[in-house]
PDB file of all heavy atoms in Angstrom:
ATOM      1  N   ALA A   1       0.819  -1.213   0.000  1.00  0.00           N
ATOM      2  CA  ALA A   1       0.000   0.000   0.000  1.00  0.00           C
ATOM      3  C   ALA A   1       0.853   1.262   0.000  1.00  0.00           C
ATOM      4  O   ALA A   1       0.634   2.187  -0.798  1.00  0.00           O
ATOM      5  CB  ALA A   1      -0.932  -0.016   1.211  1.00  0.00           C
ATOM      6  N   VAL A   2       1.861   1.303   0.884  1.00  0.00           N
ATOM      7  CA  VAL A   2       2.692   2.504   1.003  1.00  0.00           C
ATOM      8  C   VAL A   2       3.517   2.715  -0.259  1.00  0.00           C
ATOM      9  O   VAL A   2       3.673   3.846  -0.746  1.00  0.00           O
ATOM     10  CB  VAL A   2       3.605   2.417   2.242  1.00  0.00           C
ATOM     11  CG1 VAL A   2       4.422   3.689   2.392  1.00  0.00           C
ATOM     12  CG2 VAL A   2       2.781   2.167   3.494  1.00  0.00           C
ATOM     13  N   GLY A   3       4.050   1.629  -0.828  1.00  0.00           N
ATOM     14  CA  GLY A   3       4.869   1.745  -2.028  1.00  0.00           C
ATOM     15  C   GLY A   3       4.091   2.264  -3.221  1.00  0.00           C
ATOM     16  O   GLY A   3       4.578   3.125  -3.966  1.00  0.00           O
ATOM     17  N   VAL A   4       2.889   1.746  -3.408  1.00  0.00           N
ATOM     18  CA  VAL A   4       2.063   2.213  -4.533  1.00  0.00           C
ATOM     19  C   VAL A   4       1.714   3.692  -4.355  1.00  0.00           C
ATOM     20  O   VAL A   4       1.762   4.477  -5.314  1.00  0.00           O
ATOM     21  CB  VAL A   4       0.782   1.351  -4.663  1.00  0.00           C
ATOM     22  CG1 VAL A   4      -0.179   1.981  -5.662  1.00  0.00           C
ATOM     23  CG2 VAL A   4       1.145  -0.069  -5.091  1.00  0.00           C
ATOM     24  N   ILE A   5       1.369   4.093  -3.134  1.00  0.00           N
ATOM     25  CA  ILE A   5       1.064   5.511  -2.880  1.00  0.00           C
ATOM     26  C   ILE A   5       2.298   6.375  -3.166  1.00  0.00           C
ATOM     27  O   ILE A   5       2.191   7.469  -3.734  1.00  0.00           O
ATOM     28  CB  ILE A   5       0.592   5.708  -1.428  1.00  0.00           C
ATOM     29  CG1 ILE A   5      -0.760   5.013  -1.210  1.00  0.00           C
ATOM     30  CG2 ILE A   5       0.463   7.198  -1.098  1.00  0.00           C
ATOM     31  CD1 ILE A   5      -1.210   4.991   0.234  1.00  0.00           C
ATOM     32  N   ARG A   6       3.486   5.884  -2.802  1.00  0.00           N
ATOM     33  CA  ARG A   6       4.707   6.666  -3.021  1.00  0.00           C
ATOM     34  C   ARG A   6       4.960   6.927  -4.503  1.00  0.00           C
ATOM     35  O   ARG A   6       5.570   7.935  -4.870  1.00  0.00           O
ATOM     36  CB  ARG A   6       5.913   5.950  -2.405  1.00  0.00           C
ATOM     37  CG  ARG A   6       7.140   6.833  -2.332  1.00  0.00           C
ATOM     38  CD  ARG A   6       8.311   6.187  -1.641  1.00  0.00           C
ATOM     39  NE  ARG A   6       8.910   5.147  -2.443  1.00  0.00           N
ATOM     40  CZ  ARG A   6       9.005   3.878  -2.101  1.00  0.00           C
ATOM     41  NH1 ARG A   6       8.518   3.475  -0.942  1.00  0.00           N
ATOM     42  NH2 ARG A   6       9.578   2.990  -2.883  1.00  0.00           N
ATOM     43  N   SER A   7       4.512   6.022  -5.347  1.00  0.00           N
ATOM     44  CA  SER A   7       4.728   6.212  -6.787  1.00  0.00           C
ATOM     45  C   SER A   7       3.991   7.423  -7.331  1.00  0.00           C
ATOM     46  O   SER A   7       4.275   7.888  -8.434  1.00  0.00           O
ATOM     47  CB  SER A   7       4.294   4.955  -7.551  1.00  0.00           C
ATOM     48  OG  SER A   7       2.881   4.814  -7.545  1.00  0.00           O
ATOM     49  N   PHE A   8       3.028   7.953  -6.556  1.00  0.00           N
ATOM     50  CA  PHE A   8       2.282   9.145  -6.977  1.00  0.00           C
ATOM     51  C   PHE A   8       2.789  10.412  -6.284  1.00  0.00           C
ATOM     52  O   PHE A   8       2.110  11.438  -6.304  1.00  0.00           O
ATOM     53  CB  PHE A   8       0.792   8.958  -6.684  1.00  0.00           C
ATOM     54  CG  PHE A   8       0.130   7.880  -7.502  1.00  0.00           C
ATOM     55  CD1 PHE A   8      -0.012   6.590  -6.999  1.00  0.00           C
ATOM     56  CD2 PHE A   8      -0.327   8.141  -8.785  1.00  0.00           C
ATOM     57  CE1 PHE A   8      -0.615   5.594  -7.739  1.00  0.00           C
ATOM     58  CE2 PHE A   8      -0.922   7.146  -9.541  1.00  0.00           C
ATOM     59  CZ  PHE A   8      -1.068   5.868  -9.019  1.00  0.00           C
ATOM     60  N   SER A   9       3.964  10.353  -5.672  1.00  0.00           N
ATOM     61  CA  SER A   9       4.518  11.499  -4.942  1.00  0.00           C
ATOM     62  C   SER A   9       4.606  12.722  -5.849  1.00  0.00           C
ATOM     63  O   SER A   9       5.027  12.634  -7.009  1.00  0.00           O
ATOM     64  CB  SER A   9       5.908  11.172  -4.405  1.00  0.00           C
ATOM     65  OG  SER A   9       5.859  10.132  -3.461  1.00  0.00           O
ATOM     66  N   THR A  10       4.215  13.872  -5.292  1.00  0.00           N
ATOM     67  CA  THR A  10       4.226  15.117  -6.065  1.00  0.00           C
ATOM     68  C   THR A  10       5.423  16.000  -5.741  1.00  0.00           C
ATOM     69  O   THR A  10       5.673  16.972  -6.446  1.00  0.00           O
ATOM     70  CB  THR A  10       2.931  15.916  -5.797  1.00  0.00           C
ATOM     71  OG1 THR A  10       2.805  16.142  -4.385  1.00  0.00           O
ATOM     72  CG2 THR A  10       1.718  15.143  -6.301  1.00  0.00           C
ATOM     73  N   ASN A  11       6.157  15.670  -4.677  1.00  0.00           N
ATOM     74  CA  ASN A  11       7.342  16.454  -4.335  1.00  0.00           C
ATOM     75  C   ASN A  11       8.310  15.594  -3.540  1.00  0.00           C
ATOM     76  O   ASN A  11       7.980  14.481  -3.116  1.00  0.00           O
ATOM     77  CB  ASN A  11       6.973  17.716  -3.545  1.00  0.00           C
ATOM     78  CG  ASN A  11       6.156  17.404  -2.299  1.00  0.00           C
ATOM     79  OD1 ASN A  11       6.614  16.746  -1.376  1.00  0.00           O
ATOM     80  ND2 ASN A  11       4.897  17.871  -2.288  1.00  0.00           N
ATOM     81  N   TYR A  12       9.499  16.117  -3.328  1.00  0.00           N
ATOM     82  CA  TYR A  12      10.568  15.371  -2.675  1.00  0.00           C
ATOM     83  C   TYR A  12      10.213  15.021  -1.228  1.00  0.00           C
ATOM     84  O   TYR A  12      10.463  13.901  -0.777  1.00  0.00           O
ATOM     85  CB  TYR A  12      11.853  16.196  -2.724  1.00  0.00           C
ATOM     86  CG  TYR A  12      13.007  15.589  -1.968  1.00  0.00           C
ATOM     87  CD1 TYR A  12      13.738  14.531  -2.510  1.00  0.00           C
ATOM     88  CD2 TYR A  12      13.381  16.077  -0.715  1.00  0.00           C
ATOM     89  CE1 TYR A  12      14.799  13.962  -1.818  1.00  0.00           C
ATOM     90  CE2 TYR A  12      14.448  15.524  -0.022  1.00  0.00           C
ATOM     91  CZ  TYR A  12      15.150  14.465  -0.568  1.00  0.00           C
ATOM     92  OH  TYR A  12      16.198  13.916   0.123  1.00  0.00           O
ATOM     93  N   ILE A  13       9.628  15.950  -0.480  1.00  0.00           N
ATOM     94  CA  ILE A  13       9.284  15.712   0.921  1.00  0.00           C
ATOM     95  C   ILE A  13       8.290  14.563   1.046  1.00  0.00           C
ATOM     96  O   ILE A  13       8.433  13.683   1.904  1.00  0.00           O
ATOM     97  CB  ILE A  13       8.712  16.983   1.582  1.00  0.00           C
ATOM     98  CG1 ILE A  13       9.756  18.102   1.579  1.00  0.00           C
ATOM     99  CG2 ILE A  13       8.253  16.685   3.001  1.00  0.00           C
ATOM    100  CD1 ILE A  13      11.006  17.777   2.371  1.00  0.00           C
ATOM    101  N   MET A  14       7.295  14.546   0.170  1.00  0.00           N
ATOM    102  CA  MET A  14       6.315  13.460   0.190  1.00  0.00           C
ATOM    103  C   MET A  14       6.996  12.132  -0.113  1.00  0.00           C
ATOM    104  O   MET A  14       6.714  11.102   0.536  1.00  0.00           O
ATOM    105  CB  MET A  14       5.209  13.736  -0.834  1.00  0.00           C
ATOM    106  CG  MET A  14       4.144  12.662  -0.908  1.00  0.00           C
ATOM    107  SD  MET A  14       2.861  13.067  -2.123  1.00  0.00           S
ATOM    108  CE  MET A  14       1.845  11.584  -2.047  1.00  0.00           C
ATOM    109  N   TYR A  15       7.924  12.151  -1.066  1.00  0.00           N
ATOM    110  CA  TYR A  15       8.606  10.915  -1.463  1.00  0.00           C
ATOM    111  C   TYR A  15       9.417  10.334  -0.306  1.00  0.00           C
ATOM    112  O   TYR A  15       9.286   9.151   0.028  1.00  0.00           O
ATOM    113  CB  TYR A  15       9.517  11.190  -2.664  1.00  0.00           C
ATOM    114  CG  TYR A  15      10.231   9.954  -3.157  1.00  0.00           C
ATOM    115  CD1 TYR A  15       9.652   9.128  -4.118  1.00  0.00           C
ATOM    116  CD2 TYR A  15      11.483   9.592  -2.659  1.00  0.00           C
ATOM    117  CE1 TYR A  15      10.293   7.986  -4.563  1.00  0.00           C
ATOM    118  CE2 TYR A  15      12.139   8.451  -3.093  1.00  0.00           C
ATOM    119  CZ  TYR A  15      11.540   7.653  -4.046  1.00  0.00           C
ATOM    120  OH  TYR A  15      12.169   6.519  -4.479  1.00  0.00           O
ATOM    121  N   VAL A  16      10.261  11.146   0.336  1.00  0.00           N
ATOM    122  CA  VAL A  16      11.117  10.615   1.406  1.00  0.00           C
ATOM    123  C   VAL A  16      10.297  10.258   2.647  1.00  0.00           C
ATOM    124  O   VAL A  16      10.649   9.332   3.389  1.00  0.00           O
ATOM    125  CB  VAL A  16      12.259  11.591   1.769  1.00  0.00           C
ATOM    126  CG1 VAL A  16      13.216  11.745   0.596  1.00  0.00           C
ATOM    127  CG2 VAL A  16      11.731  12.934   2.214  1.00  0.00           C
ATOM    128  N   SER A  17       9.194  10.967   2.883  1.00  0.00           N
ATOM    129  CA  SER A  17       8.339  10.636   4.020  1.00  0.00           C
ATOM    130  C   SER A  17       7.727   9.251   3.847  1.00  0.00           C
ATOM    131  O   SER A  17       7.701   8.435   4.781  1.00  0.00           O
ATOM    132  CB  SER A  17       7.235  11.680   4.189  1.00  0.00           C
ATOM    133  OG  SER A  17       7.777  12.955   4.462  1.00  0.00           O
ATOM    134  N   LEU A  18       7.247   8.969   2.637  1.00  0.00           N
ATOM    135  CA  LEU A  18       6.661   7.661   2.363  1.00  0.00           C
ATOM    136  C   LEU A  18       7.741   6.576   2.303  1.00  0.00           C
ATOM    137  O   LEU A  18       7.472   5.414   2.622  1.00  0.00           O
ATOM    138  CB  LEU A  18       5.867   7.705   1.057  1.00  0.00           C
ATOM    139  CG  LEU A  18       4.559   8.510   1.135  1.00  0.00           C
ATOM    140  CD1 LEU A  18       3.950   8.702  -0.246  1.00  0.00           C
ATOM    141  CD2 LEU A  18       3.560   7.817   2.069  1.00  0.00           C
ATOM    142  N   GLU A  19       8.951   6.944   1.898  1.00  0.00           N
ATOM    143  CA  GLU A  19      10.067   5.998   1.934  1.00  0.00           C
ATOM    144  C   GLU A  19      10.325   5.554   3.372  1.00  0.00           C
ATOM    145  O   GLU A  19      10.557   4.373   3.651  1.00  0.00           O
ATOM    146  CB  GLU A  19      11.327   6.642   1.345  1.00  0.00           C
ATOM    147  CG  GLU A  19      12.519   5.717   1.246  1.00  0.00           C
ATOM    148  CD  GLU A  19      12.445   4.783   0.061  1.00  0.00           C
ATOM    149  OE1 GLU A  19      11.985   5.198  -1.016  1.00  0.00           O
ATOM    150  OE2 GLU A  19      12.837   3.608   0.214  1.00  0.00           O
ATOM    151  N   LEU A  20      10.257   6.513   4.298  1.00  0.00           N
ATOM    152  CA  LEU A  20      10.456   6.212   5.714  1.00  0.00           C
ATOM    153  C   LEU A  20       9.337   5.318   6.240  1.00  0.00           C
ATOM    154  O   LEU A  20       9.592   4.304   6.907  1.00  0.00           O
ATOM    155  CB  LEU A  20      10.509   7.509   6.514  1.00  0.00           C
ATOM    156  CG  LEU A  20      10.611   7.366   8.033  1.00  0.00           C
ATOM    157  CD1 LEU A  20      11.939   6.731   8.424  1.00  0.00           C
ATOM    158  CD2 LEU A  20      10.446   8.720   8.717  1.00  0.00           C
ATOM    159  N   ILE A  21       8.095   5.666   5.932  1.00  0.00           N
ATOM    160  CA  ILE A  21       6.945   4.892   6.418  1.00  0.00           C
ATOM    161  C   ILE A  21       6.984   3.471   5.867  1.00  0.00           C
ATOM    162  O   ILE A  21       6.749   2.491   6.587  1.00  0.00           O
ATOM    163  CB  ILE A  21       5.631   5.593   6.042  1.00  0.00           C
ATOM    164  CG1 ILE A  21       5.521   6.940   6.775  1.00  0.00           C
ATOM    165  CG2 ILE A  21       4.433   4.710   6.368  1.00  0.00           C
ATOM    166  CD1 ILE A  21       4.371   7.796   6.306  1.00  0.00           C
ATOM    167  N   GLU A  22       7.306   3.345   4.586  1.00  0.00           N
ATOM    168  CA  GLU A  22       7.351   2.013   3.969  1.00  0.00           C
ATOM    169  C   GLU A  22       8.409   1.135   4.623  1.00  0.00           C
ATOM    170  O   GLU A  22       8.200  -0.061   4.869  1.00  0.00           O
ATOM    171  CB  GLU A  22       7.621   2.157   2.473  1.00  0.00           C
ATOM    172  CG  GLU A  22       7.596   0.846   1.701  1.00  0.00           C
ATOM    173  CD  GLU A  22       8.996   0.306   1.457  1.00  0.00           C
ATOM    174  OE1 GLU A  22       9.844   1.050   0.941  1.00  0.00           O
ATOM    175  OE2 GLU A  22       9.228  -0.857   1.802  1.00  0.00           O
ATOM    176  N   ALA A  23       9.552   1.726   4.942  1.00  0.00           N
ATOM    177  CA  ALA A  23      10.609   0.960   5.611  1.00  0.00           C
ATOM    178  C   ALA A  23      10.180   0.541   7.015  1.00  0.00           C
ATOM    179  O   ALA A  23      10.484  -0.569   7.463  1.00  0.00           O
ATOM    180  CB  ALA A  23      11.889   1.785   5.670  1.00  0.00           C
ATOM    181  N   ILE A  24       9.455   1.423   7.711  1.00  0.00           N
ATOM    182  CA  ILE A  24       9.002   1.108   9.080  1.00  0.00           C
ATOM    183  C   ILE A  24       8.025  -0.058   9.075  1.00  0.00           C
ATOM    184  O   ILE A  24       8.124  -0.984   9.885  1.00  0.00           O
ATOM    185  CB  ILE A  24       8.357   2.347   9.734  1.00  0.00           C
ATOM    186  CG1 ILE A  24       9.419   3.426  10.005  1.00  0.00           C
ATOM    187  CG2 ILE A  24       7.652   1.970  11.041  1.00  0.00           C
ATOM    188  CD1 ILE A  24       8.851   4.744  10.492  1.00  0.00           C
ATOM    189  N   VAL A  25       7.065  -0.048   8.158  1.00  0.00           N
ATOM    190  CA  VAL A  25       6.011  -1.066   8.181  1.00  0.00           C
ATOM    191  C   VAL A  25       6.415  -2.362   7.484  1.00  0.00           C
ATOM    192  O   VAL A  25       5.784  -3.404   7.699  1.00  0.00           O
ATOM    193  CB  VAL A  25       4.702  -0.531   7.551  1.00  0.00           C
ATOM    194  CG1 VAL A  25       4.197   0.673   8.312  1.00  0.00           C
ATOM    195  CG2 VAL A  25       4.887  -0.185   6.074  1.00  0.00           C
ATOM    196  N   GLY A  26       7.472  -2.322   6.662  1.00  0.00           N
ATOM    197  CA  GLY A  26       7.779  -3.506   5.871  1.00  0.00           C
ATOM    198  C   GLY A  26       9.126  -4.153   6.076  1.00  0.00           C
ATOM    199  O   GLY A  26       9.344  -5.289   5.643  1.00  0.00           O
ATOM    200  N   SER A  27      10.042  -3.474   6.748  1.00  0.00           N
ATOM    201  CA  SER A  27      11.413  -4.003   6.816  1.00  0.00           C
ATOM    202  C   SER A  27      11.576  -5.172   7.773  1.00  0.00           C
ATOM    203  O   SER A  27      12.605  -5.843   7.749  1.00  0.00           O
ATOM    204  CB  SER A  27      12.379  -2.880   7.215  1.00  0.00           C
ATOM    205  OG  SER A  27      12.385  -1.868   6.237  1.00  0.00           O
ATOM    206  N   GLY A  28      10.581  -5.426   8.621  1.00  0.00           N
ATOM    207  CA  GLY A  28      10.694  -6.532   9.559  1.00  0.00           C
ATOM    208  C   GLY A  28      10.365  -7.883   8.964  1.00  0.00           C
ATOM    209  O   GLY A  28      10.459  -8.905   9.656  1.00  0.00           O
ATOM    210  N   VAL A  29      10.003  -7.916   7.690  1.00  0.00           N
ATOM    211  CA  VAL A  29       9.590  -9.188   7.092  1.00  0.00           C
ATOM    212  C   VAL A  29      10.747 -10.187   7.048  1.00  0.00           C
ATOM    213  O   VAL A  29      10.534 -11.391   7.201  1.00  0.00           O
ATOM    214  CB  VAL A  29       9.001  -8.955   5.672  1.00  0.00           C
ATOM    215  CG1 VAL A  29      10.068  -8.514   4.691  1.00  0.00           C
ATOM    216  CG2 VAL A  29       8.312 -10.207   5.171  1.00  0.00           C
ATOM    217  N   TYR A  30      11.971  -9.699   6.889  1.00  0.00           N
ATOM    218  CA  TYR A  30      13.110 -10.623   6.811  1.00  0.00           C
ATOM    219  C   TYR A  30      13.355 -11.303   8.158  1.00  0.00           C
ATOM    220  O   TYR A  30      13.454 -12.535   8.232  1.00  0.00           O
ATOM    221  CB  TYR A  30      14.371  -9.882   6.358  1.00  0.00           C
ATOM    222  CG  TYR A  30      15.529 -10.809   6.042  1.00  0.00           C
ATOM    223  CD1 TYR A  30      15.777 -11.211   4.736  1.00  0.00           C
ATOM    224  CD2 TYR A  30      16.363 -11.297   7.046  1.00  0.00           C
ATOM    225  CE1 TYR A  30      16.824 -12.060   4.434  1.00  0.00           C
ATOM    226  CE2 TYR A  30      17.407 -12.148   6.755  1.00  0.00           C
ATOM    227  CZ  TYR A  30      17.647 -12.530   5.452  1.00  0.00           C
ATOM    228  OH  TYR A  30      18.677 -13.387   5.166  1.00  0.00           O
ATOM    229  N   THR A  31      13.459 -10.511   9.221  1.00  0.00           N
ATOM    230  CA  THR A  31      13.745 -11.112  10.529  1.00  0.00           C
ATOM    231  C   THR A  31      12.592 -11.977  11.015  1.00  0.00           C
ATOM    232  O   THR A  31      12.809 -13.067  11.565  1.00  0.00           O
ATOM    233  CB  THR A  31      14.053 -10.031  11.580  1.00  0.00           C
ATOM    234  OG1 THR A  31      12.976  -9.079  11.613  1.00  0.00           O
ATOM    235  CG2 THR A  31      15.336  -9.307  11.259  1.00  0.00           C
ATOM    236  N   SER A  32      11.357 -11.513  10.828  1.00  0.00           N
ATOM    237  CA  SER A  32      10.213 -12.309  11.286  1.00  0.00           C
ATOM    238  C   SER A  32      10.094 -13.600  10.483  1.00  0.00           C
ATOM    239  O   SER A  32       9.809 -14.671  11.037  1.00  0.00           O
ATOM    240  CB  SER A  32       8.916 -11.497  11.189  1.00  0.00           C
ATOM    241  OG  SER A  32       8.703 -11.032   9.872  1.00  0.00           O
ATOM    242  N   GLY A  33      10.320 -13.526   9.170  1.00  0.00           N
ATOM    243  CA  GLY A  33      10.281 -14.724   8.338  1.00  0.00           C
ATOM    244  C   GLY A  33      11.415 -15.673   8.649  1.00  0.00           C
ATOM    245  O   GLY A  33      11.240 -16.902   8.672  1.00  0.00           O
ATOM    246  N   PHE A  34      12.598 -15.112   8.907  1.00  0.00           N
ATOM    247  CA  PHE A  34      13.770 -15.922   9.229  1.00  0.00           C
ATOM    248  C   PHE A  34      13.525 -16.744  10.491  1.00  0.00           C
ATOM    249  O   PHE A  34      13.777 -17.952  10.518  1.00  0.00           O
ATOM    250  CB  PHE A  34      14.982 -15.005   9.408  1.00  0.00           C
ATOM    251  CG  PHE A  34      16.291 -15.724   9.541  1.00  0.00           C
ATOM    252  CD1 PHE A  34      17.090 -15.942   8.434  1.00  0.00           C
ATOM    253  CD2 PHE A  34      16.728 -16.193  10.767  1.00  0.00           C
ATOM    254  CE1 PHE A  34      18.303 -16.611   8.551  1.00  0.00           C
ATOM    255  CE2 PHE A  34      17.928 -16.864  10.901  1.00  0.00           C
ATOM    256  CZ  PHE A  34      18.723 -17.072   9.778  1.00  0.00           C
ATOM    257  N   ILE A  35      13.019 -16.097  11.519  1.00  0.00           N
ATOM    258  CA  ILE A  35      12.796 -16.791  12.788  1.00  0.00           C
ATOM    259  C   ILE A  35      11.623 -17.756  12.679  1.00  0.00           C
ATOM    260  O   ILE A  35      11.671 -18.872  13.204  1.00  0.00           O
ATOM    261  CB  ILE A  35      12.589 -15.768  13.919  1.00  0.00           C
ATOM    262  CG1 ILE A  35      13.917 -15.036  14.182  1.00  0.00           C
ATOM    263  CG2 ILE A  35      12.084 -16.435  15.190  1.00  0.00           C
ATOM    264  CD1 ILE A  35      13.843 -13.935  15.206  1.00  0.00           C
ATOM    265  N   LEU A  36      10.561 -17.353  11.986  1.00  0.00           N
ATOM    266  CA  LEU A  36       9.410 -18.238  11.790  1.00  0.00           C
ATOM    267  C   LEU A  36       9.843 -19.528  11.095  1.00  0.00           C
ATOM    268  O   LEU A  36       9.401 -20.630  11.468  1.00  0.00           O
ATOM    269  CB  LEU A  36       8.341 -17.526  10.955  1.00  0.00           C
ATOM    270  CG  LEU A  36       7.086 -18.335  10.594  1.00  0.00           C
ATOM    271  CD1 LEU A  36       6.345 -18.772  11.849  1.00  0.00           C
ATOM    272  CD2 LEU A  36       6.165 -17.517   9.686  1.00  0.00           C
ATOM    273  N   ALA A  37      10.708 -19.417  10.113  1.00  0.00           N
ATOM    274  CA  ALA A  37      11.173 -20.590   9.381  1.00  0.00           C
ATOM    275  C   ALA A  37      12.151 -21.412  10.211  1.00  0.00           C
ATOM    276  O   ALA A  37      12.055 -22.640  10.291  1.00  0.00           O
ATOM    277  CB  ALA A  37      11.828 -20.157   8.071  1.00  0.00           C
ATOM    278  N   LEU A  38      13.102 -20.731  10.856  1.00  0.00           N
ATOM    279  CA  LEU A  38      14.193 -21.423  11.529  1.00  0.00           C
ATOM    280  C   LEU A  38      13.720 -22.177  12.770  1.00  0.00           C
ATOM    281  O   LEU A  38      14.296 -23.214  13.121  1.00  0.00           O
ATOM    282  CB  LEU A  38      15.280 -20.421  11.916  1.00  0.00           C
ATOM    283  CG  LEU A  38      16.697 -20.983  12.048  1.00  0.00           C
ATOM    284  CD1 LEU A  38      17.193 -21.491  10.699  1.00  0.00           C
ATOM    285  CD2 LEU A  38      17.644 -19.934  12.585  1.00  0.00           C
TER     286      LEU A  38
END
């Protein structure tokens, strides 16, 4: 959701703000998946 919205960014501030939000909500998938599997 956040990534698709970011593709419609109208200025630099909006772009980096959504980049931050997307990283916050999505970057834990590696560690959570790693531990779930292991």
